[in-house]
Protein backbone atom coordinates (compact mmCIF):
# COMPACT_ATOMS: atom_id res chain seq x y z
CA MET A 1 -15.69 -196.89 93.86
CA ASN A 2 -15.95 -194.03 96.30
CA ASN A 3 -15.66 -191.46 93.51
CA LEU A 4 -18.33 -193.08 91.31
CA ALA A 5 -21.13 -190.89 92.69
CA THR A 6 -19.10 -187.76 91.95
CA ILE A 7 -18.38 -188.96 88.41
CA LEU A 8 -22.06 -189.66 87.75
CA VAL A 9 -23.23 -186.32 89.14
CA GLN A 10 -20.64 -184.44 87.06
CA THR A 11 -21.32 -186.38 83.85
CA TYR A 12 -25.05 -187.11 83.65
CA PRO A 13 -27.56 -186.45 82.30
CA ARG A 14 -25.61 -186.04 79.06
CA LYS A 15 -27.19 -184.71 75.86
CA VAL A 16 -25.80 -186.30 72.68
CA LYS A 17 -26.76 -186.51 69.02
CA LEU A 18 -26.83 -189.67 66.96
CA GLU A 19 -25.24 -189.74 63.51
CA ASP A 20 -28.60 -188.83 61.94
CA GLY A 21 -29.03 -185.83 64.28
CA THR A 22 -31.52 -187.47 66.68
CA ALA A 23 -31.21 -185.89 70.14
CA ILE A 24 -30.65 -188.47 72.89
CA THR A 25 -30.19 -188.13 76.63
CA LEU A 26 -27.89 -190.57 78.42
CA ARG A 27 -28.18 -191.07 82.17
CA PRO A 28 -28.07 -193.76 84.83
CA LEU A 29 -31.20 -195.86 85.27
CA LEU A 30 -33.39 -194.61 88.14
CA LYS A 31 -35.84 -196.53 90.31
CA ASP A 32 -38.64 -194.37 88.83
CA ASP A 33 -37.84 -195.87 85.39
CA GLU A 34 -39.30 -199.28 86.26
CA GLN A 35 -42.35 -199.16 83.94
CA ALA A 36 -40.45 -197.48 81.09
CA PHE A 37 -37.62 -200.01 81.41
CA LEU A 38 -40.06 -202.93 81.30
CA ALA A 39 -41.84 -201.39 78.29
CA TYR A 40 -38.49 -201.02 76.52
CA PHE A 41 -37.58 -204.68 76.94
CA GLN A 42 -41.10 -205.84 76.06
CA SER A 43 -40.85 -203.87 72.80
CA LEU A 44 -37.80 -205.91 71.70
CA ALA A 45 -38.33 -209.06 69.65
CA PRO A 46 -37.12 -212.32 71.29
CA GLU A 47 -34.10 -212.50 68.97
CA GLU A 48 -33.11 -209.01 70.16
CA ARG A 49 -32.96 -210.28 73.76
CA VAL A 50 -30.89 -213.41 73.07
CA ASP A 51 -27.82 -212.08 74.88
CA LEU A 52 -29.66 -210.97 78.02
CA LYS A 53 -29.20 -213.36 80.92
CA GLU A 54 -32.63 -212.93 82.50
CA GLU A 55 -36.21 -212.89 81.23
CA VAL A 56 -36.38 -209.11 81.04
CA THR A 57 -39.99 -209.08 79.82
CA ASP A 58 -41.11 -210.43 83.21
CA PRO A 59 -42.28 -207.53 85.43
CA LYS A 60 -40.96 -209.37 88.50
CA VAL A 61 -37.42 -209.45 87.05
CA ILE A 62 -37.45 -205.69 86.41
CA GLU A 63 -39.03 -205.04 89.82
CA ASN A 64 -36.23 -207.04 91.46
CA TRP A 65 -33.60 -205.11 89.48
CA MET A 66 -35.06 -201.84 90.69
CA GLU A 67 -35.24 -203.00 94.31
CA THR A 68 -31.58 -204.04 94.24
CA LEU A 69 -30.29 -201.14 92.11
CA ASP A 70 -26.77 -200.44 93.40
CA TYR A 71 -24.39 -198.48 91.17
CA ASP A 72 -21.39 -199.85 93.10
CA VAL A 73 -22.31 -203.34 91.85
CA MET A 74 -23.71 -202.49 88.42
CA LEU A 75 -24.08 -199.17 86.65
CA PRO A 76 -26.94 -199.27 84.13
CA LEU A 77 -27.09 -196.41 81.61
CA VAL A 78 -30.20 -195.69 79.57
CA ALA A 79 -30.62 -193.73 76.37
CA LEU A 80 -33.80 -191.70 76.08
CA HIS A 81 -35.44 -190.18 73.01
CA GLU A 82 -38.45 -188.02 73.77
CA ASN A 83 -38.59 -189.48 77.31
CA ARG A 84 -38.73 -193.07 76.01
CA ILE A 85 -35.95 -195.58 76.68
CA VAL A 86 -34.40 -196.64 73.37
CA GLY A 87 -31.21 -198.26 74.59
CA ALA A 88 -29.57 -199.64 77.70
CA ALA A 89 -26.06 -200.65 78.64
CA SER A 90 -24.55 -201.74 81.91
CA LEU A 91 -21.15 -201.94 83.53
CA ARG A 92 -20.95 -204.69 86.14
CA PHE A 93 -18.12 -204.25 88.62
CA SER A 94 -16.36 -207.35 89.91
CA LEU A 95 -16.55 -207.91 93.65
CA SER A 96 -13.89 -210.62 93.47
CA ALA A 97 -10.35 -209.77 94.56
CA TRP A 98 -8.96 -211.61 91.53
CA THR A 99 -10.96 -209.67 88.97
CA ARG A 100 -11.49 -206.32 90.71
CA HIS A 101 -9.61 -204.63 87.83
CA GLN A 102 -12.28 -205.78 85.34
CA GLY A 103 -15.80 -204.74 84.46
CA GLN A 104 -18.33 -206.50 82.25
CA VAL A 105 -20.43 -204.56 79.77
CA ASN A 106 -23.82 -205.48 78.30
CA LEU A 107 -25.72 -203.63 75.60
CA SER A 108 -29.15 -203.58 74.02
CA THR A 109 -30.68 -201.04 71.66
CA ASP A 110 -34.01 -200.52 69.97
CA PRO A 111 -33.50 -201.73 66.36
CA ARG A 112 -34.89 -198.42 65.05
CA TYR A 113 -31.91 -196.61 66.60
CA ARG A 114 -29.16 -198.89 65.30
CA ALA A 115 -26.58 -197.97 62.70
CA LYS A 116 -26.79 -194.42 64.06
CA GLY A 117 -24.10 -194.70 66.72
CA LEU A 118 -26.28 -195.34 69.77
CA GLY A 119 -24.56 -198.56 70.86
CA THR A 120 -21.16 -196.93 70.36
CA LEU A 121 -22.15 -193.95 72.52
CA LEU A 122 -23.45 -196.16 75.32
CA ILE A 123 -20.35 -198.35 75.44
CA GLN A 124 -18.00 -195.36 75.15
CA ASN A 125 -19.76 -193.71 78.10
CA LEU A 126 -19.36 -196.85 80.21
CA GLU A 127 -15.72 -197.08 79.16
CA GLU A 128 -15.18 -193.47 80.24
CA VAL A 129 -16.64 -194.25 83.68
CA ALA A 130 -14.57 -197.46 83.89
CA VAL A 131 -11.33 -195.57 83.25
CA LYS A 132 -12.22 -192.89 85.81
CA VAL A 133 -12.83 -195.47 88.55
CA GLY A 134 -9.56 -197.24 87.73
CA LEU A 135 -10.66 -200.36 85.87
CA GLU A 136 -8.04 -201.89 83.57
CA GLN A 137 -10.15 -204.24 81.43
CA LEU A 138 -13.65 -204.55 80.08
CA THR A 139 -15.23 -207.81 78.98
CA ALA A 140 -18.27 -208.49 76.84
CA GLU A 141 -20.01 -211.81 76.15
CA VAL A 142 -21.55 -211.85 72.68
CA PRO A 143 -23.52 -214.67 71.04
CA PRO A 144 -22.03 -215.26 67.55
CA GLU A 145 -25.47 -214.91 65.94
CA LEU A 146 -25.49 -211.24 66.96
CA THR A 147 -23.00 -210.35 64.25
CA LYS A 148 -23.71 -206.61 64.38
CA ALA A 149 -23.00 -206.55 68.12
CA PHE A 150 -19.81 -208.57 67.56
CA TYR A 151 -18.61 -206.09 64.91
CA LEU A 152 -19.53 -203.13 67.14
CA PHE A 153 -17.34 -204.46 69.94
CA GLU A 154 -14.54 -205.16 67.45
CA LYS A 155 -14.84 -201.59 66.16
CA LEU A 156 -14.51 -200.40 69.77
CA ARG A 157 -11.24 -202.39 70.05
CA PHE A 158 -12.51 -205.34 72.03
CA GLN A 159 -10.63 -208.47 71.02
CA LYS A 160 -11.96 -212.00 70.78
CA ALA A 161 -10.42 -213.90 73.68
CA ALA A 162 -12.36 -217.18 73.67
CA VAL A 163 -15.36 -219.01 72.29
CA LEU A 164 -17.37 -220.89 74.90
CA PRO A 165 -19.28 -223.62 73.01
CA GLY A 166 -22.85 -224.27 74.13
CA PHE A 167 -22.37 -221.91 77.06
CA VAL A 168 -25.92 -220.50 77.17
CA MET A 169 -29.39 -221.94 76.63
CA ASP A 170 -32.44 -219.99 75.48
CA ALA A 171 -35.99 -220.41 76.80
CA ALA A 172 -36.69 -223.06 74.15
CA GLY A 173 -33.70 -225.15 75.28
CA HIS A 174 -31.40 -224.32 72.36
CA GLU A 175 -27.74 -224.01 73.26
CA SER A 176 -25.62 -221.21 71.88
CA ASP A 177 -21.95 -220.33 71.94
CA ILE A 178 -20.67 -217.17 73.57
CA VAL A 179 -17.69 -215.16 72.33
CA LEU A 180 -15.75 -213.61 75.21
CA MET A 181 -14.29 -210.26 74.14
CA ILE A 182 -11.81 -208.20 76.17
CA LYS A 183 -10.56 -204.64 75.94
CA THR A 184 -7.56 -203.31 77.84
CA LEU A 185 -8.19 -199.76 79.00
CA ALA A 186 -5.70 -196.92 79.00
CA PRO A 187 -5.33 -195.31 82.44
CA ALA A 188 -7.13 -191.99 82.97
CA GLY A 189 -5.27 -189.19 81.22
CA MET A 190 -3.62 -191.47 78.66
CA ALA A 191 -4.77 -192.10 75.09
CA ALA A 192 -6.04 -195.58 74.22
CA ALA A 193 -3.57 -197.76 72.32
């Protein structure tokens, strides 16, 4: 990952436009974003946070994330509209020798910015970084009830690899399945299949 810092400096911040023309800035999450990041997650309804593994509305959780922010372990990207976070995606790098060729992506977006290409832009940016650092596969874990997220990953050529029944439990104790999706990446300089 020794070239990750160079990639980030050369790529971000990146100005993009959503399908409706809304101007968005994409960049890595910074430690100074703590309050804005917490406010973003607190603005999402509980059903919008169902696929997030931690209680992201807890200030202590976000504070801990910021204290341990390490792009060589996990690269979080945020999308900003008028200096407000409206989307977040992360690429978690595997530290295991067996899976060092893989990265795991997570995604959340403000519902007001959906169906405008924001989720696609965030995942495509992470995929671009993944290819540049030499990853060969990306995985995503999607609860089946998040059908729009499932279809987004399918559109981005992730394939359903497995369904893990009752794999996660929400705060109320309800179990939910997880769909494991995988995408094989084309090496840098080659077109995706």
